[in-house]
N, C-alpha and C. Protein backbone atom coordinates (compact mmCIF):
# COMPACT_ATOMS: atom_id res chain seq x y z
N ALA A 1 254.62 267.53 151.61
CA ALA A 1 255.80 266.82 152.05
C ALA A 1 256.55 266.23 150.85
N LEU A 2 255.78 265.67 149.90
CA LEU A 2 256.42 265.10 148.71
C LEU A 2 257.12 266.19 147.90
N ARG A 3 256.48 267.33 147.78
CA ARG A 3 257.08 268.43 147.03
C ARG A 3 258.36 268.90 147.70
N ASP A 4 258.33 269.04 149.02
CA ASP A 4 259.52 269.48 149.75
C ASP A 4 260.67 268.49 149.62
N ALA A 5 260.33 267.20 149.56
CA ALA A 5 261.35 266.15 149.44
C ALA A 5 261.74 265.90 147.98
N ARG A 6 261.05 266.58 147.08
CA ARG A 6 261.28 266.41 145.63
C ARG A 6 261.09 264.95 145.21
N ILE A 7 259.99 264.37 145.70
CA ILE A 7 259.64 262.98 145.37
C ILE A 7 258.30 262.99 144.65
N LYS A 8 258.20 262.22 143.58
CA LYS A 8 256.93 262.07 142.88
C LYS A 8 256.14 260.96 143.54
N SER A 9 254.82 261.07 143.52
CA SER A 9 254.00 260.04 144.16
C SER A 9 254.20 258.68 143.48
N SER A 10 254.57 258.68 142.21
CA SER A 10 254.82 257.41 141.51
C SER A 10 256.08 256.71 142.02
N GLU A 11 256.92 257.42 142.75
CA GLU A 11 258.15 256.84 143.29
C GLU A 11 257.94 256.17 144.65
N LEU A 12 256.77 256.31 145.23
CA LEU A 12 256.49 255.71 146.53
C LEU A 12 256.33 254.20 146.40
N ASP A 13 256.97 253.46 147.30
CA ASP A 13 256.83 252.01 147.33
C ASP A 13 255.62 251.58 148.13
N GLN A 14 255.33 252.32 149.19
CA GLN A 14 254.27 251.93 150.11
C GLN A 14 253.71 253.16 150.80
N ILE A 15 252.44 253.12 151.13
CA ILE A 15 251.80 254.18 151.89
C ILE A 15 251.31 253.57 153.19
N VAL A 16 251.72 254.17 154.30
CA VAL A 16 251.33 253.68 155.62
C VAL A 16 250.44 254.74 156.26
N LEU A 17 249.26 254.34 156.67
CA LEU A 17 248.34 255.25 157.34
C LEU A 17 248.40 255.00 158.84
N ALA A 18 248.37 256.06 159.63
CA ALA A 18 248.46 255.94 161.08
C ALA A 18 247.24 256.57 161.74
N GLY A 19 246.78 255.93 162.81
CA GLY A 19 245.64 256.44 163.57
C GLY A 19 244.37 255.70 163.25
N GLY A 20 243.50 255.62 164.22
CA GLY A 20 242.27 254.84 164.11
C GLY A 20 241.35 255.24 162.98
N ALA A 21 241.28 256.54 162.67
CA ALA A 21 240.38 257.01 161.62
C ALA A 21 240.77 256.48 160.24
N THR A 22 242.02 256.06 160.09
CA THR A 22 242.48 255.57 158.79
C THR A 22 241.96 254.17 158.48
N LYS A 23 241.21 253.58 159.41
CA LYS A 23 240.58 252.27 159.16
C LYS A 23 239.33 252.42 158.30
N MET A 24 238.83 253.63 158.15
CA MET A 24 237.61 253.87 157.39
C MET A 24 237.83 253.56 155.91
N PRO A 25 236.99 252.71 155.33
CA PRO A 25 237.15 252.34 153.92
C PRO A 25 237.16 253.54 152.97
N ILE A 26 236.34 254.55 153.24
CA ILE A 26 236.28 255.71 152.36
C ILE A 26 237.61 256.45 152.32
N LEU A 27 238.26 256.55 153.47
CA LEU A 27 239.55 257.21 153.55
C LEU A 27 240.62 256.41 152.80
N ARG A 28 240.61 255.09 152.99
CA ARG A 28 241.59 254.24 152.32
C ARG A 28 241.41 254.31 150.79
N LYS A 29 240.14 254.36 150.34
CA LYS A 29 239.88 254.47 148.90
C LYS A 29 240.34 255.82 148.35
N MET A 30 240.13 256.88 149.13
CA MET A 30 240.54 258.21 148.70
C MET A 30 242.07 258.29 148.57
N VAL A 31 242.79 257.72 149.53
CA VAL A 31 244.25 257.71 149.48
C VAL A 31 244.72 256.90 148.28
N ALA A 32 244.09 255.76 148.04
CA ALA A 32 244.45 254.92 146.89
C ALA A 32 244.22 255.67 145.58
N LYS A 33 243.14 256.43 145.51
CA LYS A 33 242.85 257.20 144.30
C LYS A 33 243.87 258.33 144.10
N MET A 34 244.26 258.96 145.21
CA MET A 34 245.22 260.06 145.14
C MET A 34 246.61 259.61 144.69
N PHE A 35 247.05 258.45 145.20
CA PHE A 35 248.42 258.02 144.97
C PHE A 35 248.56 256.87 143.97
N GLY A 36 247.45 256.26 143.59
CA GLY A 36 247.51 255.19 142.61
C GLY A 36 247.89 253.84 143.16
N ILE A 37 248.07 253.72 144.47
CA ILE A 37 248.34 252.43 145.12
C ILE A 37 247.55 252.36 146.42
N MET A 38 247.19 251.14 146.80
CA MET A 38 246.45 250.95 148.05
C MET A 38 247.39 251.13 149.23
N PRO A 39 246.91 251.72 150.32
CA PRO A 39 247.73 251.83 151.53
C PRO A 39 248.01 250.44 152.11
N ALA A 40 249.10 250.32 152.84
CA ALA A 40 249.46 249.04 153.47
C ALA A 40 248.33 248.58 154.37
N SER A 41 247.96 247.32 154.27
CA SER A 41 246.89 246.80 155.10
C SER A 41 247.41 245.79 156.12
N ASN A 42 248.70 245.50 156.08
CA ASN A 42 249.26 244.52 157.00
C ASN A 42 249.73 245.14 158.32
N LEU A 43 249.54 246.44 158.49
CA LEU A 43 249.94 247.14 159.70
C LEU A 43 248.72 247.68 160.42
N ASN A 44 248.74 247.62 161.75
CA ASN A 44 247.64 248.13 162.56
C ASN A 44 247.85 249.62 162.79
N PRO A 45 246.96 250.49 162.30
CA PRO A 45 247.14 251.94 162.43
C PRO A 45 247.25 252.41 163.88
N ASP A 46 246.58 251.72 164.81
CA ASP A 46 246.66 252.11 166.23
C ASP A 46 248.04 251.77 166.80
N GLU A 47 248.58 250.62 166.41
CA GLU A 47 249.90 250.22 166.90
C GLU A 47 251.00 251.13 166.34
N ILE A 48 250.80 251.61 165.12
CA ILE A 48 251.79 252.52 164.53
C ILE A 48 251.89 253.79 165.37
N VAL A 49 250.76 254.31 165.83
CA VAL A 49 250.76 255.50 166.68
C VAL A 49 251.49 255.20 167.99
N ALA A 50 251.22 254.03 168.58
CA ALA A 50 251.86 253.65 169.84
C ALA A 50 253.37 253.49 169.66
N MET A 51 253.78 252.91 168.54
CA MET A 51 255.22 252.75 168.29
C MET A 51 255.90 254.11 168.12
N GLY A 52 255.23 255.02 167.44
CA GLY A 52 255.78 256.36 167.28
C GLY A 52 255.92 257.07 168.62
N ALA A 53 254.93 256.89 169.50
CA ALA A 53 255.00 257.49 170.84
C ALA A 53 256.14 256.88 171.64
N ALA A 54 256.36 255.57 171.49
CA ALA A 54 257.45 254.90 172.21
C ALA A 54 258.81 255.42 171.72
N VAL A 55 258.94 255.61 170.42
CA VAL A 55 260.20 256.15 169.87
C VAL A 55 260.40 257.57 170.38
N GLN A 56 259.34 258.37 170.38
CA GLN A 56 259.44 259.75 170.88
C GLN A 56 259.88 259.76 172.34
N ALA A 57 259.31 258.88 173.15
CA ALA A 57 259.70 258.80 174.57
C ALA A 57 261.16 258.40 174.70
N GLY A 58 261.60 257.43 173.89
CA GLY A 58 262.99 257.00 173.93
C GLY A 58 263.94 258.13 173.55
N LEU A 59 263.55 258.93 172.56
CA LEU A 59 264.39 260.07 172.16
C LEU A 59 264.45 261.12 173.27
N LYS A 60 263.32 261.34 173.94
CA LYS A 60 263.30 262.31 175.04
C LYS A 60 264.20 261.86 176.18
N MET A 61 264.27 260.52 176.39
CA MET A 61 265.11 259.96 177.46
C MET A 61 266.57 259.84 177.03
N LYS A 62 266.86 260.19 175.77
CA LYS A 62 268.21 260.08 175.20
C LYS A 62 268.73 258.64 175.26
N ASN A 63 267.86 257.70 174.92
CA ASN A 63 268.21 256.28 174.88
C ASN A 63 269.31 256.04 173.86
N THR A 64 270.35 255.32 174.26
CA THR A 64 271.52 255.10 173.39
C THR A 64 271.17 254.26 172.16
N HIS A 65 270.13 253.44 172.22
CA HIS A 65 269.72 252.63 171.07
C HIS A 65 269.15 253.48 169.94
N LEU A 66 268.74 254.69 170.28
CA LEU A 66 268.12 255.58 169.29
C LEU A 66 269.00 256.76 168.92
N LYS A 67 270.30 256.67 169.20
CA LYS A 67 271.17 257.84 169.00
C LYS A 67 271.27 258.29 167.55
N GLU A 68 271.03 257.38 166.60
CA GLU A 68 271.12 257.77 165.19
C GLU A 68 269.76 258.04 164.56
N MET A 69 268.72 258.05 165.36
CA MET A 69 267.37 258.28 164.84
C MET A 69 266.99 259.75 165.02
N VAL A 70 266.35 260.30 164.00
CA VAL A 70 265.87 261.67 164.06
C VAL A 70 264.36 261.63 163.82
N LEU A 71 263.61 262.30 164.66
CA LEU A 71 262.17 262.35 164.51
C LEU A 71 261.77 263.80 164.30
N THR A 72 261.11 264.08 163.20
CA THR A 72 260.70 265.44 162.88
C THR A 72 259.20 265.58 163.09
N ASP A 73 258.81 266.58 163.83
CA ASP A 73 257.40 266.85 164.08
C ASP A 73 256.91 267.77 162.97
N VAL A 74 256.14 267.22 162.03
CA VAL A 74 255.69 268.02 160.89
C VAL A 74 254.46 268.87 161.21
N CYS A 75 253.79 268.55 162.30
CA CYS A 75 252.61 269.32 162.69
C CYS A 75 252.67 269.49 164.23
N PRO A 76 253.43 270.44 164.72
CA PRO A 76 253.69 270.54 166.15
C PRO A 76 252.54 271.09 167.01
N TYR A 77 251.37 271.24 166.43
CA TYR A 77 250.25 271.74 167.20
C TYR A 77 249.06 270.82 167.02
N THR A 78 248.14 270.83 167.96
CA THR A 78 246.96 269.98 167.94
C THR A 78 245.96 270.50 166.92
N LEU A 79 245.43 269.59 166.13
CA LEU A 79 244.38 269.95 165.18
C LEU A 79 243.05 269.49 165.76
N GLY A 80 242.07 270.31 165.73
CA GLY A 80 240.78 269.91 166.28
C GLY A 80 239.74 270.99 166.07
N ILE A 81 238.57 270.69 166.59
CA ILE A 81 237.45 271.62 166.46
C ILE A 81 237.31 272.42 167.72
């Protein structure tokens, strides 16, 4: 995603992790090592997922408050075992 956007990881101000699995210390350390900064810890990863789902629902309903928002699905299929 960074390559496609032509952004260097050093240009990132903040890294936000979403989803319950991102609470694992090993994952947070790995992300910090990859990008050189610690992921945001002031946000609840579960609530971030819920907020994204609420925005998606609002867009599907064509809510006028979200008329200027664009949501791109970067992984449109389920990943699993």
